PDB file of N, CA and C in Angstrom:
ATOM      1  N   MET A   1      -3.608   1.187 -28.374  1.00  0.00           N
ATOM      2  CA  MET A   1      -3.348   2.391 -27.755  1.00  0.00           C
ATOM      3  C   MET A   1      -1.782   2.173 -26.749  1.00  0.00           C
ATOM      4  N   SER A   2      -0.995   3.032 -26.902  1.00  0.00           N
ATOM      5  CA  SER A   2       0.413   2.770 -26.715  1.00  0.00           C
ATOM      6  C   SER A   2       0.312   3.216 -24.693  1.00  0.00           C
ATOM      7  N   ALA A   3       1.451   2.601 -24.686  1.00  0.00           N
ATOM      8  CA  ALA A   3       1.546   2.860 -22.889  1.00  0.00           C
ATOM      9  C   ALA A   3       1.501   4.053 -22.776  1.00  0.00           C
ATOM     10  N   GLU A   4       2.066   5.045 -23.371  1.00  0.00           N
ATOM     11  CA  GLU A   4       1.955   6.630 -23.130  1.00  0.00           C
ATOM     12  C   GLU A   4       0.785   7.296 -23.188  1.00  0.00           C
ATOM     13  N   GLU A   5      -0.201   6.707 -24.062  1.00  0.00           N
ATOM     14  CA  GLU A   5      -1.635   7.057 -24.048  1.00  0.00           C
ATOM     15  C   GLU A   5      -2.320   6.694 -22.616  1.00  0.00           C
ATOM     16  N   ARG A   6      -1.993   5.526 -22.330  1.00  0.00           N
ATOM     17  CA  ARG A   6      -2.621   5.185 -21.273  1.00  0.00           C
ATOM     18  C   ARG A   6      -2.528   5.668 -19.882  1.00  0.00           C
ATOM     19  N   ALA A   7      -3.679   5.939 -19.446  1.00  0.00           N
ATOM     20  CA  ALA A   7      -3.617   6.777 -18.019  1.00  0.00           C
ATOM     21  C   ALA A   7      -2.956   5.931 -17.172  1.00  0.00           C
ATOM     22  N   VAL A   8      -1.982   6.724 -16.174  1.00  0.00           N
ATOM     23  CA  VAL A   8      -1.667   5.815 -15.171  1.00  0.00           C
ATOM     24  C   VAL A   8      -2.519   5.736 -13.975  1.00  0.00           C
ATOM     25  N   PRO A   9      -2.927   4.357 -13.430  1.00  0.00           N
ATOM     26  CA  PRO A   9      -4.152   4.537 -12.318  1.00  0.00           C
ATOM     27  C   PRO A   9      -3.351   5.178 -10.954  1.00  0.00           C
ATOM     28  N   GLU A  10      -4.784   5.908 -10.204  1.00  0.00           N
ATOM     29  CA  GLU A  10      -4.217   6.450  -9.284  1.00  0.00           C
ATOM     30  C   GLU A  10      -3.826   5.545  -8.374  1.00  0.00           C
ATOM     31  N   SER A  11      -3.059   5.988  -6.922  1.00  0.00           N
ATOM     32  CA  SER A  11      -2.772   5.128  -5.791  1.00  0.00           C
ATOM     33  C   SER A  11      -4.064   5.457  -5.131  1.00  0.00           C
ATOM     34  N   TRP A  12      -4.518   3.896  -4.277  1.00  0.00           N
ATOM     35  CA  TRP A  12      -5.691   3.993  -4.010  1.00  0.00           C
ATOM     36  C   TRP A  12      -5.641   4.343  -2.559  1.00  0.00           C
ATOM     37  N   THR A  13      -6.561   4.736  -1.818  1.00  0.00           N
ATOM     38  CA  THR A  13      -6.960   4.747  -0.566  1.00  0.00           C
ATOM     39  C   THR A  13      -8.228   4.284  -0.139  1.00  0.00           C
ATOM     40  N   ILE A  14      -8.476   3.923   1.254  1.00  0.00           N
ATOM     41  CA  ILE A  14      -9.655   3.728   1.575  1.00  0.00           C
ATOM     42  C   ILE A  14     -10.748   4.660   1.020  1.00  0.00           C
ATOM     43  N   GLU A  15     -10.481   5.904   1.502  1.00  0.00           N
ATOM     44  CA  GLU A  15     -11.395   7.080   1.328  1.00  0.00           C
ATOM     45  C   GLU A  15     -11.817   7.256  -0.379  1.00  0.00           C
ATOM     46  N   GLY A  16     -10.787   7.018  -1.216  1.00  0.00           N
ATOM     47  CA  GLY A  16     -10.999   7.266  -2.502  1.00  0.00           C
ATOM     48  C   GLY A  16     -11.774   6.075  -3.114  1.00  0.00           C
ATOM     49  N   ALA A  17     -11.640   4.768  -2.676  1.00  0.00           N
ATOM     50  CA  ALA A  17     -12.208   3.969  -3.058  1.00  0.00           C
ATOM     51  C   ALA A  17     -13.716   3.881  -2.513  1.00  0.00           C
ATOM     52  N   GLU A  18     -13.891   4.212  -1.069  1.00  0.00           N
ATOM     53  CA  GLU A  18     -15.361   4.350  -0.881  1.00  0.00           C
ATOM     54  C   GLU A  18     -16.237   5.421  -1.670  1.00  0.00           C
ATOM     55  N   ARG A  19     -15.574   6.387  -2.028  1.00  0.00           N
ATOM     56  CA  ARG A  19     -15.915   7.768  -2.688  1.00  0.00           C
ATOM     57  C   ARG A  19     -16.200   7.065  -4.101  1.00  0.00           C
ATOM     58  N   LEU A  20     -15.440   6.218  -4.620  1.00  0.00           N
ATOM     59  CA  LEU A  20     -15.827   6.173  -6.376  1.00  0.00           C
ATOM     60  C   LEU A  20     -16.960   4.620  -6.030  1.00  0.00           C
ATOM     61  N   LEU A  21     -17.056   4.003  -5.080  1.00  0.00           N
ATOM     62  CA  LEU A  21     -18.208   2.866  -5.067  1.00  0.00           C
ATOM     63  C   LEU A  21     -19.460   3.559  -4.540  1.00  0.00           C
ATOM     64  N   ARG A  22     -19.553   4.581  -3.788  1.00  0.00           N
ATOM     65  CA  ARG A  22     -20.604   5.485  -3.628  1.00  0.00           C
ATOM     66  C   ARG A  22     -21.158   5.815  -4.767  1.00  0.00           C
ATOM     67  N   SER A  23     -20.294   6.322  -5.702  1.00  0.00           N
ATOM     68  CA  SER A  23     -21.057   6.940  -6.968  1.00  0.00           C
ATOM     69  C   SER A  23     -21.697   5.902  -8.027  1.00  0.00           C
ATOM     70  N   LEU A  24     -21.385   4.425  -7.522  1.00  0.00           N
ATOM     71  CA  LEU A  24     -22.021   3.518  -8.338  1.00  0.00           C
ATOM     72  C   LEU A  24     -23.914   3.425  -8.300  1.00  0.00           C
ATOM     73  N   ALA A  25     -24.502   2.873  -9.277  1.00  0.00           N
ATOM     74  CA  ALA A  25     -25.657   3.086  -9.398  1.00  0.00           C
ATOM     75  C   ALA A  25     -26.311   2.229  -8.084  1.00  0.00           C
ATOM     76  N   GLY A  26     -27.277   2.483  -7.804  1.00  0.00           N
ATOM     77  CA  GLY A  26     -27.803   1.951  -6.304  1.00  0.00           C
ATOM     78  C   GLY A  26     -27.213   1.796  -5.041  1.00  0.00           C
ATOM     79  N   VAL A  27     -25.971   2.210  -5.010  1.00  0.00           N
ATOM     80  CA  VAL A  27     -25.247   2.122  -3.828  1.00  0.00           C
ATOM     81  C   VAL A  27     -25.783   3.484  -2.922  1.00  0.00           C
ATOM     82  N   VAL A  28     -26.061   2.660  -1.518  1.00  0.00           N
ATOM     83  CA  VAL A  28     -26.149   3.685  -0.589  1.00  0.00           C
ATOM     84  C   VAL A  28     -25.013   4.118   0.337  1.00  0.00           C
ATOM     85  N   SER A  29     -24.254   2.894   0.652  1.00  0.00           N
ATOM     86  CA  SER A  29     -23.368   3.200   1.622  1.00  0.00           C
ATOM     87  C   SER A  29     -22.238   1.961   1.320  1.00  0.00           C
ATOM     88  N   VAL A  30     -20.901   2.402   1.824  1.00  0.00           N
ATOM     89  CA  VAL A  30     -19.814   1.215   1.572  1.00  0.00           C
ATOM     90  C   VAL A  30     -18.736   1.596   2.722  1.00  0.00           C
ATOM     91  N   ARG A  31     -18.185   0.398   2.938  1.00  0.00           N
ATOM     92  CA  ARG A  31     -17.088   0.376   3.974  1.00  0.00           C
ATOM     93  C   ARG A  31     -15.957  -0.647   3.402  1.00  0.00           C
ATOM     94  N   VAL A  32     -15.021  -0.103   3.142  1.00  0.00           N
ATOM     95  CA  VAL A  32     -13.735  -0.997   2.839  1.00  0.00           C
ATOM     96  C   VAL A  32     -13.126  -1.233   3.910  1.00  0.00           C
ATOM     97  N   VAL A  33     -12.612  -2.581   4.118  1.00  0.00           N
ATOM     98  CA  VAL A  33     -11.717  -2.827   5.354  1.00  0.00           C
ATOM     99  C   VAL A  33     -10.316  -3.361   4.561  1.00  0.00           C
ATOM    100  N   ALA A  34      -9.310  -2.758   4.829  1.00  0.00           N
ATOM    101  CA  ALA A  34      -7.935  -3.419   4.375  1.00  0.00           C
ATOM    102  C   ALA A  34      -6.986  -3.500   5.511  1.00  0.00           C
ATOM    103  N   LYS A  35      -6.002  -4.639   5.140  1.00  0.00           N
ATOM    104  CA  LYS A  35      -5.241  -5.000   6.347  1.00  0.00           C
ATOM    105  C   LYS A  35      -3.827  -4.091   6.310  1.00  0.00           C
ATOM    106  N   PRO A  36      -3.226  -3.699   7.422  1.00  0.00           N
ATOM    107  CA  PRO A  36      -2.062  -2.842   7.384  1.00  0.00           C
ATOM    108  C   PRO A  36      -1.434  -2.693   6.151  1.00  0.00           C
ATOM    109  N   GLY A  37      -0.974  -3.675   5.647  1.00  0.00           N
ATOM    110  CA  GLY A  37      -0.419  -3.377   4.279  1.00  0.00           C
ATOM    111  C   GLY A  37      -0.798  -3.023   3.129  1.00  0.00           C
ATOM    112  N   GLY A  38      -2.362  -2.621   3.024  1.00  0.00           N
ATOM    113  CA  GLY A  38      -2.925  -2.207   2.231  1.00  0.00           C
ATOM    114  C   GLY A  38      -3.610  -3.266   1.246  1.00  0.00           C
ATOM    115  N   ALA A  39      -3.657  -4.490   1.360  1.00  0.00           N
ATOM    116  CA  ALA A  39      -4.410  -5.451   0.834  1.00  0.00           C
ATOM    117  C   ALA A  39      -6.117  -5.442   1.199  1.00  0.00           C
ATOM    118  N   VAL A  40      -6.988  -5.232   0.208  1.00  0.00           N
ATOM    119  CA  VAL A  40      -8.132  -5.317   0.648  1.00  0.00           C
ATOM    120  C   VAL A  40      -8.612  -6.566   1.301  1.00  0.00           C
ATOM    121  N   GLU A  41      -9.481  -6.321   2.526  1.00  0.00           N
ATOM    122  CA  GLU A  41      -9.949  -7.746   3.322  1.00  0.00           C
ATOM    123  C   GLU A  41     -11.295  -7.922   3.089  1.00  0.00           C
ATOM    124  N   GLU A  42     -11.883  -6.868   2.987  1.00  0.00           N
ATOM    125  CA  GLU A  42     -13.354  -6.816   2.960  1.00  0.00           C
ATOM    126  C   GLU A  42     -14.228  -5.806   2.583  1.00  0.00           C
ATOM    127  N   ILE A  43     -15.185  -5.981   1.395  1.00  0.00           N
ATOM    128  CA  ILE A  43     -15.782  -4.602   1.126  1.00  0.00           C
ATOM    129  C   ILE A  43     -17.183  -4.942   1.390  1.00  0.00           C
ATOM    130  N   HIS A  44     -17.947  -4.069   2.370  1.00  0.00           N
ATOM    131  CA  HIS A  44     -19.448  -4.351   2.625  1.00  0.00           C
ATOM    132  C   HIS A  44     -20.271  -3.180   1.760  1.00  0.00           C
ATOM    133  N   VAL A  45     -20.949  -3.482   1.031  1.00  0.00           N
ATOM    134  CA  VAL A  45     -21.941  -2.595   0.242  1.00  0.00           C
ATOM    135  C   VAL A  45     -23.228  -2.881   0.497  1.00  0.00           C
ATOM    136  N   LEU A  46     -24.003  -1.272   0.923  1.00  0.00           N
ATOM    137  CA  LEU A  46     -25.632  -1.364   0.967  1.00  0.00           C
ATOM    138  C   LEU A  46     -26.105  -1.027  -0.163  1.00  0.00           C
ATOM    139  N   THR A  47     -26.840  -1.570  -1.096  1.00  0.00           N
ATOM    140  CA  THR A  47     -27.399  -1.146  -2.018  1.00  0.00           C
ATOM    141  C   THR A  47     -29.210  -0.884  -1.966  1.00  0.00           C
ATOM    142  N   THR A  48     -29.567  -0.092  -2.987  1.00  0.00           N
ATOM    143  CA  THR A  48     -31.246  -0.307  -2.875  1.00  0.00           C
ATOM    144  C   THR A  48     -31.234  -1.551  -3.961  1.00  0.00           C
ATOM    145  N   GLU A  49     -32.570  -1.880  -4.469  1.00  0.00           N
ATOM    146  CA  GLU A  49     -32.924  -2.727  -5.047  1.00  0.00           C
ATOM    147  C   GLU A  49     -32.695  -2.797  -6.815  1.00  0.00           C
ATOM    148  N   GLU A  50     -32.382  -1.184  -7.002  1.00  0.00           N
ATOM    149  CA  GLU A  50     -32.001  -0.788  -8.347  1.00  0.00           C
ATOM    150  C   GLU A  50     -31.222  -1.588  -9.142  1.00  0.00           C
ATOM    151  N   VAL A  51     -30.293  -2.411  -8.618  1.00  0.00           N
ATOM    152  CA  VAL A  51     -29.006  -3.082  -9.299  1.00  0.00           C
ATOM    153  C   VAL A  51     -29.005  -4.433  -8.530  1.00  0.00           C
ATOM    154  N   SER A  52     -29.015  -5.507  -9.218  1.00  0.00           N
ATOM    155  CA  SER A  52     -28.827  -7.102  -8.567  1.00  0.00           C
ATOM    156  C   SER A  52     -27.515  -6.823  -7.608  1.00  0.00           C
ATOM    157  N   PRO A  53     -27.600  -7.636  -6.613  1.00  0.00           N
ATOM    158  CA  PRO A  53     -26.272  -7.961  -6.027  1.00  0.00           C
ATOM    159  C   PRO A  53     -25.040  -8.456  -6.939  1.00  0.00           C
ATOM    160  N   LYS A  54     -25.358  -8.967  -7.635  1.00  0.00           N
ATOM    161  CA  LYS A  54     -24.159  -9.895  -8.467  1.00  0.00           C
ATOM    162  C   LYS A  54     -23.829  -8.796  -9.334  1.00  0.00           C
ATOM    163  N   SER A  55     -24.536  -7.903 -10.152  1.00  0.00           N
ATOM    164  CA  SER A  55     -24.264  -6.937 -10.877  1.00  0.00           C
ATOM    165  C   SER A  55     -23.427  -5.807 -10.019  1.00  0.00           C
ATOM    166  N   THR A  56     -23.786  -5.845  -8.938  1.00  0.00           N
ATOM    167  CA  THR A  56     -22.977  -4.622  -8.223  1.00  0.00           C
ATOM    168  C   THR A  56     -21.749  -5.164  -7.745  1.00  0.00           C
ATOM    169  N   VAL A  57     -21.310  -6.530  -7.596  1.00  0.00           N
ATOM    170  CA  VAL A  57     -20.615  -6.976  -7.206  1.00  0.00           C
ATOM    171  C   VAL A  57     -19.364  -6.823  -8.356  1.00  0.00           C
ATOM    172  N   ARG A  58     -19.812  -7.269  -9.738  1.00  0.00           N
ATOM    173  CA  ARG A  58     -19.044  -6.972 -11.000  1.00  0.00           C
ATOM    174  C   ARG A  58     -18.919  -5.348 -11.067  1.00  0.00           C
ATOM    175  N   ASN A  59     -19.816  -4.360 -10.816  1.00  0.00           N
ATOM    176  CA  ASN A  59     -19.454  -3.074 -11.063  1.00  0.00           C
ATOM    177  C   ASN A  59     -18.405  -2.711  -9.976  1.00  0.00           C
ATOM    178  N   VAL A  60     -18.477  -3.415  -8.753  1.00  0.00           N
ATOM    179  CA  VAL A  60     -17.195  -2.868  -7.800  1.00  0.00           C
ATOM    180  C   VAL A  60     -15.988  -3.238  -8.421  1.00  0.00           C
ATOM    181  N   GLU A  61     -15.829  -4.380  -8.581  1.00  0.00           N
ATOM    182  CA  GLU A  61     -14.318  -5.058  -9.181  1.00  0.00           C
ATOM    183  C   GLU A  61     -14.323  -4.390 -10.224  1.00  0.00           C
ATOM    184  N   SER A  62     -15.116  -3.708 -11.464  1.00  0.00           N
ATOM    185  CA  SER A  62     -14.621  -3.314 -12.649  1.00  0.00           C
ATOM    186  C   SER A  62     -14.254  -1.697 -12.099  1.00  0.00           C
ATOM    187  N   ALA A  63     -15.051  -1.049 -11.407  1.00  0.00           N
ATOM    188  CA  ALA A  63     -14.777   0.345 -10.987  1.00  0.00           C
ATOM    189  C   ALA A  63     -13.491   0.304 -10.236  1.00  0.00           C
ATOM    190  N   LEU A  64     -12.949  -0.478  -9.314  1.00  0.00           N
ATOM    191  CA  LEU A  64     -11.670  -0.648  -8.552  1.00  0.00           C
ATOM    192  C   LEU A  64     -10.516  -0.866  -9.591  1.00  0.00           C
ATOM    193  N   LEU A  65     -10.856  -1.673 -10.386  1.00  0.00           N
ATOM    194  CA  LEU A  65      -9.578  -2.188 -11.503  1.00  0.00           C
ATOM    195  C   LEU A  65      -9.463  -0.835 -12.450  1.00  0.00           C
ATOM    196  N   ALA A  66     -10.728  -0.206 -12.867  1.00  0.00           N
ATOM    197  CA  ALA A  66     -10.280   0.552 -14.007  1.00  0.00           C
ATOM    198  C   ALA A  66      -9.678   1.835 -13.163  1.00  0.00           C
ATOM    199  N   ARG A  67     -10.160   2.075 -12.377  1.00  0.00           N
ATOM    200  CA  ARG A  67      -9.691   3.683 -11.340  1.00  0.00           C
ATOM    201  C   ARG A  67      -8.358   3.364 -10.817  1.00  0.00           C
ATOM    202  N   PHE A  68      -7.960   2.210  -9.799  1.00  0.00           N
ATOM    203  CA  PHE A  68      -7.006   2.312  -9.451  1.00  0.00           C
ATOM    204  C   PHE A  68      -6.044   0.916  -9.675  1.00  0.00           C
ATOM    205  N   ASP A  69      -6.421  -0.015 -10.787  1.00  0.00           N
ATOM    206  CA  ASP A  69      -5.885  -1.097 -11.298  1.00  0.00           C
ATOM    207  C   ASP A  69      -5.665  -2.065  -9.871  1.00  0.00           C
ATOM    208  N   LEU A  70      -6.582  -2.080  -9.352  1.00  0.00           N
ATOM    209  CA  LEU A  70      -6.744  -2.921  -7.971  1.00  0.00           C
ATOM    210  C   LEU A  70      -7.973  -4.122  -8.203  1.00  0.00           C
ATOM    211  N   GLU A  71      -7.376  -5.052  -7.772  1.00  0.00           N
ATOM    212  CA  GLU A  71      -7.985  -6.257  -8.264  1.00  0.00           C
ATOM    213  C   GLU A  71      -8.363  -6.912  -6.920  1.00  0.00           C
ATOM    214  N   VAL A  72      -9.721  -6.971  -7.103  1.00  0.00           N
ATOM    215  CA  VAL A  72     -10.353  -7.386  -5.488  1.00  0.00           C
ATOM    216  C   VAL A  72     -11.112  -9.001  -5.935  1.00  0.00           C
ATOM    217  N   ASP A  73     -10.952  -9.935  -5.345  1.00  0.00           N
ATOM    218  CA  ASP A  73     -11.842 -11.115  -5.517  1.00  0.00           C
ATOM    219  C   ASP A  73     -12.972 -10.758  -4.989  1.00  0.00           C
ATOM    220  N   HIS A  74     -13.840 -11.379  -5.850  1.00  0.00           N
ATOM    221  CA  HIS A  74     -15.595 -11.243  -5.740  1.00  0.00           C
ATOM    222  C   HIS A  74     -15.956 -11.964  -4.411  1.00  0.00           C
ATOM    223  N   ARG A  75     -15.252 -12.682  -3.734  1.00  0.00           N
ATOM    224  CA  ARG A  75     -15.608 -13.327  -2.527  1.00  0.00           C
ATOM    225  C   ARG A  75     -15.586 -12.334  -1.375  1.00  0.00           C
ATOM    226  N   LYS A  76     -14.541 -11.446  -1.694  1.00  0.00           N
ATOM    227  CA  LYS A  76     -14.572 -10.420  -0.572  1.00  0.00           C
ATOM    228  C   LYS A  76     -15.548  -9.546  -0.586  1.00  0.00           C
ATOM    229  N   ILE A  77     -16.190  -9.240  -1.412  1.00  0.00           N
ATOM    230  CA  ILE A  77     -17.258  -8.442  -1.246  1.00  0.00           C
ATOM    231  C   ILE A  77     -18.663  -8.479  -1.173  1.00  0.00           C
ATOM    232  N   SER A  78     -19.388  -7.961  -0.229  1.00  0.00           N
ATOM    233  CA  SER A  78     -20.819  -8.690   0.233  1.00  0.00           C
ATOM    234  C   SER A  78     -21.530  -7.602   0.034  1.00  0.00           C
ATOM    235  N   VAL A  79     -22.868  -7.776  -0.418  1.00  0.00           N
ATOM    236  CA  VAL A  79     -23.910  -6.914  -0.634  1.00  0.00           C
ATOM    237  C   VAL A  79     -25.135  -7.053   0.258  1.00  0.00           C
ATOM    238  N   ALA A  80     -25.523  -6.045   0.766  1.00  0.00           N
ATOM    239  CA  ALA A  80     -26.724  -6.073   1.368  1.00  0.00           C
ATOM    240  C   ALA A  80     -27.714  -5.135   0.388  1.00  0.00           C
ATOM    241  N   GLN A  81     -29.170  -5.420   0.579  1.00  0.00           N
ATOM    242  CA  GLN A  81     -29.904  -4.562  -0.199  1.00  0.00           C
ATOM    243  C   GLN A  81     -31.065  -4.244   0.754  1.00  0.00           C
ATOM    244  N   SER A  82     -31.494  -2.609   0.693  1.00  0.00           N
ATOM    245  CA  SER A  82     -32.645  -2.187   1.672  1.00  0.00           C
ATOM    246  C   SER A  82     -33.495  -1.605   0.808  1.00  0.00           C
ATOM    247  N   ARG A  83     -34.723  -2.198   1.097  1.00  0.00           N
ATOM    248  CA  ARG A  83     -36.273  -1.757   0.061  1.00  0.00           C
ATOM    249  C   ARG A  83     -36.174  -0.296   0.215  1.00  0.00           C
ATOM    250  N   GLY A  84     -36.826   0.335  -0.700  1.00  0.00           N
ATOM    251  CA  GLY A  84     -37.379   1.950  -0.470  1.00  0.00           C
ATOM    252  C   GLY A  84     -36.312   3.115  -0.153  1.00  0.00           C
ATOM    253  N   ARG A  85     -34.956   2.622   0.043  1.00  0.00           N
ATOM    254  CA  ARG A  85     -33.853   3.598   0.133  1.00  0.00           C
ATOM    255  C   ARG A  85     -33.015   4.177  -0.865  1.00  0.00           C
ATOM    256  N   GLN A  86     -33.245   5.598  -1.046  1.00  0.00           N
ATOM    257  CA  GLN A  86     -32.345   6.074  -2.261  1.00  0.00           C
ATOM    258  C   GLN A  86     -31.268   6.344  -1.485  1.00  0.00           C
ATOM    259  N   PRO A  87     -30.056   6.317  -2.452  1.00  0.00           N
ATOM    260  CA  PRO A  87     -28.756   6.478  -2.164  1.00  0.00           C
ATOM    261  C   PRO A  87     -28.921   8.148  -2.010  1.00  0.00           C
ATOM    262  N   ALA A  88     -28.061   8.333  -0.289  1.00  0.00           N
ATOM    263  CA  ALA A  88     -27.567   9.772   0.031  1.00  0.00           C
ATOM    264  C   ALA A  88     -26.549  10.459  -0.850  1.00  0.00           C
ATOM    265  N   PRO A  89     -26.840  11.680  -0.856  1.00  0.00           N
ATOM    266  CA  PRO A  89     -25.581  12.272  -1.796  1.00  0.00           C
ATOM    267  C   PRO A  89     -24.392  12.383  -0.855  1.00  0.00           C
ATOM    268  N   VAL A  90     -23.317  12.216  -1.674  1.00  0.00           N
ATOM    269  CA  VAL A  90     -21.774  12.204  -1.202  1.00  0.00           C
ATOM    270  C   VAL A  90     -21.666  13.109  -0.348  1.00  0.00           C
ATOM    271  N   GLU A  91     -22.273  14.317  -0.481  1.00  0.00           N
ATOM    272  CA  GLU A  91     -22.001  15.528   0.421  1.00  0.00           C
ATOM    273  C   GLU A  91     -22.747  15.712   1.600  1.00  0.00           C
ATOM    274  N   ASP A  92     -24.013  14.798   1.509  1.00  0.00           N
ATOM    275  CA  ASP A  92     -24.799  14.847   2.834  1.00  0.00           C
ATOM    276  C   ASP A  92     -24.110  13.594   3.833  1.00  0.00           C
ATOM    277  N   MET A  93     -23.202  12.721   3.248  1.00  0.00           N
ATOM    278  CA  MET A  93     -22.914  11.546   3.925  1.00  0.00           C
ATOM    279  C   MET A  93     -21.776  12.169   5.353  1.00  0.00           C
ATOM    280  N   PRO A  94     -22.007  11.839   6.603  1.00  0.00           N
ATOM    281  CA  PRO A  94     -21.429  11.956   7.764  1.00  0.00           C
ATOM    282  C   PRO A  94     -19.874  11.589   7.388  1.00  0.00           C
ATOM    283  N   GLN A  95     -18.873  12.532   7.817  1.00  0.00           N
ATOM    284  CA  GLN A  95     -17.333  12.459   7.553  1.00  0.00           C
ATOM    285  C   GLN A  95     -16.788  11.906   8.876  1.00  0.00           C
ATOM    286  N   ALA A  96     -16.015  10.870   8.772  1.00  0.00           N
ATOM    287  CA  ALA A  96     -15.253  10.303   9.672  1.00  0.00           C
ATOM    288  C   ALA A  96     -14.710  11.402  10.625  1.00  0.00           C
ATOM    289  N   ALA A  97     -14.738  11.225  12.256  1.00  0.00           N
ATOM    290  CA  ALA A  97     -14.374  12.239  12.930  1.00  0.00           C
ATOM    291  C   ALA A  97     -12.803  11.983  13.166  1.00  0.00           C
ATOM    292  N   SER A  98     -11.991  13.032  13.366  1.00  0.00           N
ATOM    293  CA  SER A  98     -10.344  13.485  13.567  1.00  0.00           C
ATOM    294  C   SER A  98     -10.227  12.509  14.487  1.00  0.00           C
ATOM    295  N   VAL A  99      -9.049  11.755  14.527  1.00  0.00           N
ATOM    296  CA  VAL A  99      -8.511  10.830  15.604  1.00  0.00           C
ATOM    297  C   VAL A  99      -7.469  11.950  16.454  1.00  0.00           C
ATOM    298  N   ILE A 100      -7.621  11.483  17.523  1.00  0.00           N
ATOM    299  CA  ILE A 100      -6.840  12.722  18.514  1.00  0.00           C
ATOM    300  C   ILE A 100      -5.918  11.881  19.270  1.00  0.00           C
ATOM    301  N   ASP A 101      -4.843  12.237  19.223  1.00  0.00           N
ATOM    302  CA  ASP A 101      -3.710  11.427  19.815  1.00  0.00           C
ATOM    303  C   ASP A 101      -3.705  11.707  21.234  1.00  0.00           C
ATOM    304  N   ALA A 102      -4.353  10.766  22.082  1.00  0.00           N
ATOM    305  CA  ALA A 102      -4.496  10.684  23.726  1.00  0.00           C
ATOM    306  C   ALA A 102      -3.312  10.283  24.417  1.00  0.00           C
ATOM    307  N   THR A 103      -2.158   9.826  23.393  1.00  0.00           N
ATOM    308  CA  THR A 103      -0.726   9.290  24.248  1.00  0.00           C
ATOM    309  C   THR A 103      -0.432  10.545  24.989  1.00  0.00           C
ATOM    310  N   PRO A 104       0.020  10.393  26.192  1.00  0.00           N
ATOM    311  CA  PRO A 104       0.527  11.287  27.036  1.00  0.00           C
ATOM    312  C   PRO A 104       1.827  11.738  26.567  1.00  0.00           C
ATOM    313  N   SER A 105       2.472  12.868  26.599  1.00  0.00           N
ATOM    314  CA  SER A 105       3.737  13.125  26.182  1.00  0.00           C
ATOM    315  C   SER A 105       4.637  13.031  27.383  1.00  0.00           C
ATOM    316  N   LEU A 106       5.457  12.866  27.052  1.00  0.00           N
ATOM    317  CA  LEU A 106       6.858  12.550  27.939  1.00  0.00           C
ATOM    318  C   LEU A 106       6.942  13.339  28.845  1.00  0.00           C
ATOM    319  N   HIS A 107       6.784  14.842  28.615  1.00  0.00           N
ATOM    320  CA  HIS A 107       6.930  15.836  29.686  1.00  0.00           C
ATOM    321  C   HIS A 107       6.050  16.070  30.463  1.00  0.00           C
ATOM    322  N   ALA A 108       4.719  15.635  30.095  1.00  0.00           N
ATOM    323  CA  ALA A 108       3.678  15.305  31.315  1.00  0.00           C
ATOM    324  C   ALA A 108       3.665  14.497  32.085  1.00  0.00           C
ATOM    325  N   LEU A 109       4.601  13.307  32.191  1.00  0.00           N
ATOM    326  CA  LEU A 109       4.272  12.372  33.083  1.00  0.00           C
ATOM    327  C   LEU A 109       5.251  12.775  34.362  1.00  0.00           C
ATOM    328  N   PRO A 110       4.944  12.314  35.866  1.00  0.00           N
ATOM    329  CA  PRO A 110       5.061  12.621  36.899  1.00  0.00           C
ATOM    330  C   PRO A 110       6.700  12.176  37.018  1.00  0.00           C
ATOM    331  N   GLN A 111       7.291  13.008  37.618  1.00  0.00           N
ATOM    332  CA  GLN A 111       8.895  12.706  38.014  1.00  0.00           C
ATOM    333  C   GLN A 111       8.931  11.790  39.083  1.00  0.00           C
ATOM    334  N   SER A 112       9.850  10.798  39.153  1.00  0.00           N
ATOM    335  CA  SER A 112       9.896   9.583  40.264  1.00  0.00           C
ATOM    336  C   SER A 112      11.023  10.011  41.035  1.00  0.00           C
TER     337      SER A 112
END
């Protein structure tokens, strides 16, 4: 396969990575924590017992590498399993609330 035939990996975002990882077999919930520069600090995955934790870690590594060309050390991935819980459909997952800028504007400050 030539370089032109290979797909260019997407730029990754936390939301995109979490959406991808929630699509993996057995995954109920995911939280990706990144440093300000964008390096992945930790990935927390809640799964059913459908897939072993070791396989889940490999699946996470492979999915991120294949989709985003993002290498993550397996030691940064933690997996917790929950009995009897089925993965929630992505559309049923609560969305993050919007961040409201509570910084007072300069024109709103009292004059001295």
